[in-house]
């Protein structure tokens, strides 16, 4: 949905954006140079790791996927910009680049943290470890480059832009990303099975993730007019519902995981799975703690989303 942002007012408009004629000069503009940096860093990162085969295990596979995926999509964006193909792109060009840049920044950030802490530090000194350290460095640079693009292209007062460039839109990206990390930590069903309160928490994570993902997809496909209710009402209702759901999860998850009255384990030493350390695995108690922390993080994100959504005013023109 194209929007015009003026302070806290967002005006929806049906006017299509002007066609951008492709030109090699697109690469010499600041944003073009920034995307070339992103392309180079992600390419170097996965090339360094691939040359020595240093991506064993789920954490290494995730990092390799992140760098390859970011390289491929950034290359597509550059080709579209060079060819002036924005109007032929199947997704909303007002919303897609900044949505992708935000996800890419979060992906590279996760790889820059996960890869060295769960993989590199367990390597013996040598050529393979040096390549892995260098790849981590380029991953950090790529993360900063993608974050810079988000800062440069986010909505400014008076601009005609897409919803995903606004603060609530960017928060939707963050919320879905955090939810995906939560899903990774609760991938072991024994963490919540046979406890209705914990199963409810898992349902909360899934429901809120789906609703936020639907919001993003509706904007990427310019399909917000397909909703049976006004889009602003949908946003406010979604944010309020998510805050209420997460408020229950932030209470129930720690209570049933760490309180002995509910068969929880308040101390890490009580979890036998933590007695065995493995470089590519996380013990159950650490998983429970990580989910509790991420639940709080996402609750804060949804509260911020609710505040910004209620302050936005949509006026059709």
Protein backbone atom coordinates (compact mmCIF):
# COMPACT_ATOMS: atom_id res chain seq x y z
CA UNK A 1 0.00 0.00 0.00
CA UNK A 2 1.61 3.29 -1.06
CA UNK A 3 1.52 5.78 1.80
CA UNK A 4 2.46 9.37 2.36
CA UNK A 5 3.96 9.89 5.80
CA UNK A 6 3.55 13.24 7.52
CA UNK A 7 4.51 13.10 11.18
CA UNK A 8 2.03 10.52 12.57
CA UNK A 9 -0.34 10.74 9.61
CA UNK A 10 -0.19 8.15 6.84
CA UNK A 11 -2.14 8.96 3.72
CA UNK A 12 -2.95 6.08 1.40
CA UNK A 13 -2.84 6.85 -2.29
CA UNK A 14 -3.62 4.97 -5.45
CA UNK A 15 -1.14 6.88 -7.57
CA UNK A 16 1.46 4.56 -9.07
CA UNK A 17 5.13 5.36 -8.75
CA UNK A 18 6.99 6.70 -11.74
CA UNK A 19 8.91 4.20 -13.81
CA UNK A 20 12.61 4.18 -13.10
CA UNK A 21 14.68 3.84 -16.24
CA UNK A 22 17.55 1.39 -15.83
CA UNK A 23 21.06 2.80 -16.00
CA UNK A 24 24.56 1.79 -14.87
CA UNK A 25 24.53 5.06 -12.93
CA UNK A 26 22.33 3.27 -10.38
CA UNK A 27 25.50 1.57 -9.15
CA UNK A 28 27.30 4.88 -8.59
CA UNK A 29 24.58 6.29 -6.32
CA UNK A 30 25.09 5.89 -2.53
CA UNK A 31 22.40 3.21 -2.28
CA UNK A 32 23.82 1.36 -5.28
CA UNK A 33 27.32 1.41 -3.80
CA UNK A 34 25.92 0.17 -0.50
CA UNK A 35 24.25 -2.76 -2.25
CA UNK A 36 27.49 -3.57 -4.04
CA UNK A 37 29.15 -3.71 -0.61
CA UNK A 38 26.41 -6.07 0.60
CA UNK A 39 26.86 -8.26 -2.48
CA UNK A 40 30.63 -8.37 -2.06
CA UNK A 41 30.61 -9.13 1.67
CA UNK A 42 28.07 -11.94 1.48
CA UNK A 43 29.85 -13.44 -1.55
CA UNK A 44 33.22 -13.36 0.21
CA UNK A 45 31.70 -14.79 3.41
CA UNK A 46 30.20 -17.91 1.84
CA UNK A 47 33.17 -18.33 -0.52
CA UNK A 48 35.65 -18.36 2.37
CA UNK A 49 33.61 -20.94 4.25
CA UNK A 50 32.90 -23.07 1.18
CA UNK A 51 36.56 -23.17 0.17
CA UNK A 52 37.46 -25.06 3.36
CA UNK A 53 34.14 -26.80 4.04
CA UNK A 54 33.67 -25.07 7.38
CA UNK A 55 29.91 -25.26 7.84
CA UNK A 56 29.19 -28.58 9.54
CA UNK A 57 26.08 -28.90 11.69
CA UNK A 58 22.82 -26.92 11.83
CA UNK A 59 24.49 -23.68 12.95
CA UNK A 60 27.02 -23.78 10.14
CA UNK A 61 24.30 -24.67 7.64
CA UNK A 62 22.20 -21.71 8.80
CA UNK A 63 25.11 -19.31 8.38
CA UNK A 64 25.92 -20.63 4.91
CA UNK A 65 22.25 -20.37 3.90
CA UNK A 66 22.09 -16.80 5.20
CA UNK A 67 25.09 -15.60 3.19
CA UNK A 68 24.01 -17.39 -0.02
CA UNK A 69 20.41 -16.20 0.28
CA UNK A 70 21.39 -12.58 0.95
CA UNK A 71 23.85 -12.65 -1.95
CA UNK A 72 21.25 -14.03 -4.36
CA UNK A 73 18.44 -11.60 -3.42
CA UNK A 74 20.78 -8.59 -3.39
CA UNK A 75 21.93 -9.58 -6.87
CA UNK A 76 18.30 -9.74 -8.04
CA UNK A 77 17.62 -6.27 -6.61
CA UNK A 78 20.66 -4.84 -8.39
CA UNK A 79 19.59 -6.42 -11.69
CA UNK A 80 16.08 -5.00 -11.32
CA UNK A 81 17.49 -1.53 -10.54
CA UNK A 82 19.94 -1.66 -13.45
CA UNK A 83 17.29 -2.82 -15.90
CA UNK A 84 14.57 -0.47 -14.68
CA UNK A 85 12.31 -3.48 -14.13
CA UNK A 86 10.61 -2.26 -10.95
CA UNK A 87 7.17 -2.06 -12.56
CA UNK A 88 7.52 -5.65 -13.84
CA UNK A 89 8.59 -7.06 -10.48
CA UNK A 90 5.87 -9.35 -9.04
CA UNK A 91 6.01 -7.72 -5.59
CA UNK A 92 5.50 -4.13 -4.49
CA UNK A 93 8.79 -2.33 -5.11
CA UNK A 94 7.81 0.27 -2.50
CA UNK A 95 7.83 -2.43 0.16
CA UNK A 96 10.10 -5.26 -1.01
CA UNK A 97 13.63 -3.75 -0.86
CA UNK A 98 13.35 -2.37 2.67
CA UNK A 99 11.57 -5.50 3.91
CA UNK A 100 14.34 -7.64 2.50
CA UNK A 101 17.07 -5.31 3.83
CA UNK A 102 15.61 -5.55 7.33
CA UNK A 103 15.44 -9.35 7.18
CA UNK A 104 18.95 -9.52 5.71
CA UNK A 105 20.34 -7.34 8.51
CA UNK A 106 18.76 -9.64 11.10
CA UNK A 107 19.89 -12.79 9.25
CA UNK A 108 23.49 -11.58 9.00
CA UNK A 109 23.42 -10.45 12.63
CA UNK A 110 22.31 -13.90 13.76
CA UNK A 111 25.02 -15.58 11.65
CA UNK A 112 27.65 -13.15 12.94
CA UNK A 113 26.77 -14.24 16.49
CA UNK A 114 25.86 -17.91 16.08
CA UNK A 115 28.66 -18.98 13.73
CA UNK A 116 31.62 -17.85 15.88
CA UNK A 117 30.08 -18.80 19.24
CA UNK A 118 28.83 -22.28 18.34
CA UNK A 119 31.30 -23.26 15.64
CA UNK A 120 34.44 -21.16 15.16
CA UNK A 121 35.56 -21.19 18.79
CA UNK A 122 35.71 -24.99 18.76
CA UNK A 123 38.00 -25.11 15.73
CA UNK A 124 41.69 -25.81 16.05
CA UNK A 125 44.08 -23.12 14.89
CA UNK A 126 44.90 -23.27 11.21
CA UNK A 127 43.78 -22.27 7.74
CA UNK A 128 40.18 -23.41 8.22
CA UNK A 129 39.76 -21.35 11.38
CA UNK A 130 41.32 -18.30 9.75
CA UNK A 131 38.84 -18.54 6.87
CA UNK A 132 35.95 -18.90 9.31
CA UNK A 133 37.05 -15.82 11.28
CA UNK A 134 37.40 -13.82 8.06
CA UNK A 135 33.91 -14.94 6.98
CA UNK A 136 32.51 -13.78 10.31
CA UNK A 137 34.13 -10.38 9.80
CA UNK A 138 32.57 -9.97 6.36
CA UNK A 139 29.23 -11.12 7.79
CA UNK A 140 29.40 -8.32 10.37
CA UNK A 141 30.17 -5.78 7.63
CA UNK A 142 27.22 -7.06 5.57
CA UNK A 143 24.96 -6.72 8.62
CA UNK A 144 26.01 -3.10 9.05
CA UNK A 145 25.49 -2.45 5.33
CA UNK A 146 21.95 -3.85 5.38
CA UNK A 147 21.13 -1.93 8.57
CA UNK A 148 22.41 1.24 6.91
CA UNK A 149 20.09 0.65 3.95
CA UNK A 150 17.14 0.32 6.33
CA UNK A 151 18.12 3.59 8.02
CA UNK A 152 18.48 5.36 4.66
CA UNK A 153 15.24 4.13 3.08
CA UNK A 154 12.81 4.10 6.02
CA UNK A 155 9.85 6.46 5.94
CA UNK A 156 10.44 10.18 6.41
CA UNK A 157 7.78 12.88 6.98
CA UNK A 158 6.27 14.02 3.70
CA UNK A 159 7.51 11.09 1.61
CA UNK A 160 5.40 8.78 -0.54
CA UNK A 161 6.38 5.35 0.66
CA UNK A 162 5.13 1.87 1.50
CA UNK A 163 3.81 0.67 4.85
CA UNK A 164 6.82 -1.61 5.33
CA UNK A 165 9.09 1.46 5.43
CA UNK A 166 7.29 2.78 8.51
CA UNK A 167 8.17 1.87 12.09
CA UNK A 168 5.20 -0.53 12.50
CA UNK A 169 6.15 -2.21 9.22
CA UNK A 170 9.75 -2.72 10.30
CA UNK A 171 8.54 -3.98 13.68
CA UNK A 172 6.50 -6.63 11.85
CA UNK A 173 9.73 -7.90 10.30
CA UNK A 174 11.45 -7.98 13.70
CA UNK A 175 8.50 -9.76 15.34
CA UNK A 176 8.43 -12.54 12.75
CA UNK A 177 12.20 -12.96 12.95
CA UNK A 178 12.14 -13.31 16.75
CA UNK A 179 9.26 -15.78 16.47
CA UNK A 180 11.32 -17.91 14.07
CA UNK A 181 14.16 -18.01 16.62
CA UNK A 182 11.65 -19.08 19.27
CA UNK A 183 10.45 -21.88 16.98
CA UNK A 184 14.04 -23.06 16.60
CA UNK A 185 14.47 -23.27 20.38
CA UNK A 186 11.18 -25.13 20.94
CA UNK A 187 11.79 -27.59 18.11
CA UNK A 188 12.02 -30.33 20.75
CA UNK A 189 8.37 -31.19 21.60
CA UNK A 190 9.28 -32.50 25.07
CA UNK A 191 9.79 -28.89 26.18
CA UNK A 192 6.06 -28.20 26.18
CA UNK A 193 4.09 -31.41 25.55
CA UNK A 194 1.54 -32.64 28.13
CA UNK A 195 1.38 -29.20 29.78
CA UNK A 196 -1.64 -27.21 28.50
CA UNK A 197 -0.19 -23.89 29.70
CA UNK A 198 3.01 -24.40 27.71
CA UNK A 199 1.10 -25.67 24.70
CA UNK A 200 -0.91 -22.45 24.85
CA UNK A 201 2.37 -20.49 24.76
CA UNK A 202 3.42 -22.35 21.62
CA UNK A 203 0.02 -21.57 20.10
CA UNK A 204 0.54 -17.89 20.95
CA UNK A 205 3.90 -17.83 19.17
CA UNK A 206 2.40 -19.53 16.11
CA UNK A 207 -0.77 -17.39 15.90
CA UNK A 208 1.05 -14.07 16.30
CA UNK A 209 3.70 -15.12 13.79
CA UNK A 210 1.08 -16.05 11.19
CA UNK A 211 -0.83 -12.79 11.64
CA UNK A 212 2.32 -10.67 11.35
CA UNK A 213 3.48 -12.68 8.32
CA UNK A 214 0.08 -12.20 6.65
CA UNK A 215 0.38 -8.44 7.19
CA UNK A 216 3.80 -8.42 5.51
CA UNK A 217 2.59 -10.54 2.59
CA UNK A 218 -0.47 -8.35 2.07
CA UNK A 219 1.76 -5.31 1.76
CA UNK A 220 4.33 -7.02 -0.47
CA UNK A 221 1.53 -8.09 -2.79
CA UNK A 222 -0.37 -4.78 -2.58
CA UNK A 223 -3.40 -6.75 -1.42
CA UNK A 224 -4.43 -4.75 1.64
CA UNK A 225 -7.70 -3.79 -0.06
CA UNK A 226 -8.74 -7.46 0.01
CA UNK A 227 -9.30 -7.33 3.77
CA UNK A 228 -12.96 -7.33 4.90
CA UNK A 229 -12.14 -4.53 7.36
CA UNK A 230 -10.14 -1.29 6.91
CA UNK A 231 -6.40 -1.88 6.96
CA UNK A 232 -5.75 0.56 9.88
CA UNK A 233 -8.37 -1.25 11.96
CA UNK A 234 -6.76 -4.57 11.09
CA UNK A 235 -3.33 -3.28 12.20
CA UNK A 236 -4.56 -1.91 15.51
CA UNK A 237 -6.59 -5.04 16.28
CA UNK A 238 -3.68 -7.29 15.37
CA UNK A 239 -1.25 -5.37 17.59
CA UNK A 240 -3.67 -5.36 20.54
CA UNK A 241 -4.43 -9.08 20.19
CA UNK A 242 -0.72 -9.92 19.98
CA UNK A 243 0.06 -7.86 23.09
CA UNK A 244 -2.65 -9.66 25.05
CA UNK A 245 -1.51 -13.08 23.84
CA UNK A 246 2.16 -12.43 24.58
CA UNK A 247 1.26 -11.03 28.01
CA UNK A 248 -0.12 -14.46 28.92
CA UNK A 249 2.94 -16.23 27.48
CA UNK A 250 5.42 -14.04 29.39
CA UNK A 251 3.74 -15.23 32.60
CA UNK A 252 3.01 -18.87 31.82
CA UNK A 253 6.25 -19.90 30.10
CA UNK A 254 8.68 -18.98 32.94
CA UNK A 255 6.19 -20.12 35.58
CA UNK A 256 5.82 -23.65 34.21
CA UNK A 257 9.46 -23.99 33.11
CA UNK A 258 11.31 -22.66 36.17
CA UNK A 259 8.93 -22.96 39.15
CA UNK A 260 9.30 -26.23 41.07
CA UNK A 261 5.64 -26.06 42.12
CA UNK A 262 4.79 -26.75 38.48
CA UNK A 263 7.57 -29.33 37.94
CA UNK A 264 9.90 -26.66 36.61
CA UNK A 265 13.69 -26.49 36.98
CA UNK A 266 14.83 -23.20 38.57
CA UNK A 267 18.54 -24.01 38.24
CA UNK A 268 20.57 -25.10 35.25
CA UNK A 269 22.31 -27.79 37.27
CA UNK A 270 18.99 -29.60 37.70
CA UNK A 271 18.81 -30.32 33.96
CA UNK A 272 20.75 -33.47 33.13
CA UNK A 273 20.96 -32.51 29.45
CA UNK A 274 23.21 -29.57 30.40
CA UNK A 275 25.83 -31.90 31.86
CA UNK A 276 26.99 -32.86 28.37
CA UNK A 277 28.40 -30.05 26.26
CA UNK A 278 28.31 -30.26 22.48
CA UNK A 279 29.46 -27.45 20.19
CA UNK A 280 26.43 -27.69 17.91
CA UNK A 281 23.61 -28.21 20.43
CA UNK A 282 21.81 -26.27 23.17
CA UNK A 283 20.62 -28.02 26.32
CA UNK A 284 16.96 -27.92 27.35
CA UNK A 285 17.37 -25.46 30.24
CA UNK A 286 19.19 -22.98 28.01
CA UNK A 287 16.43 -23.35 25.43
CA UNK A 288 13.79 -22.61 28.06
CA UNK A 289 15.66 -19.52 29.22
CA UNK A 290 16.19 -18.28 25.66
CA UNK A 291 12.47 -18.63 24.87
CA UNK A 292 11.55 -16.74 28.06
CA UNK A 293 13.88 -13.87 27.12
CA UNK A 294 12.71 -13.78 23.50
CA UNK A 295 9.08 -13.78 24.65
CA UNK A 296 9.80 -10.62 26.62
CA UNK A 297 11.60 -9.07 23.66
CA UNK A 298 8.70 -9.75 21.31
CA UNK A 299 6.19 -8.47 23.87
CA UNK A 300 8.05 -5.15 23.94
CA UNK A 301 8.07 -5.11 20.14
CA UNK A 302 4.31 -5.69 19.98
CA UNK A 303 3.67 -2.99 22.60
CA UNK A 304 5.73 -0.54 20.51
CA UNK A 305 3.84 -1.71 17.42
CA UNK A 306 0.52 -1.03 19.17
CA UNK A 307 1.60 2.46 20.23
CA UNK A 308 2.77 3.43 16.74
CA UNK A 309 -0.24 1.83 15.04
CA UNK A 310 -2.73 3.76 17.17
CA UNK A 311 -0.88 7.01 16.44
CA UNK A 312 -0.99 6.52 12.67
CA UNK A 313 -3.86 8.06 10.76
CA UNK A 314 -4.74 6.69 7.31
CA UNK A 315 -6.56 8.99 4.92
CA UNK A 316 -7.48 7.81 1.41
CA UNK A 317 -6.92 10.27 -1.42
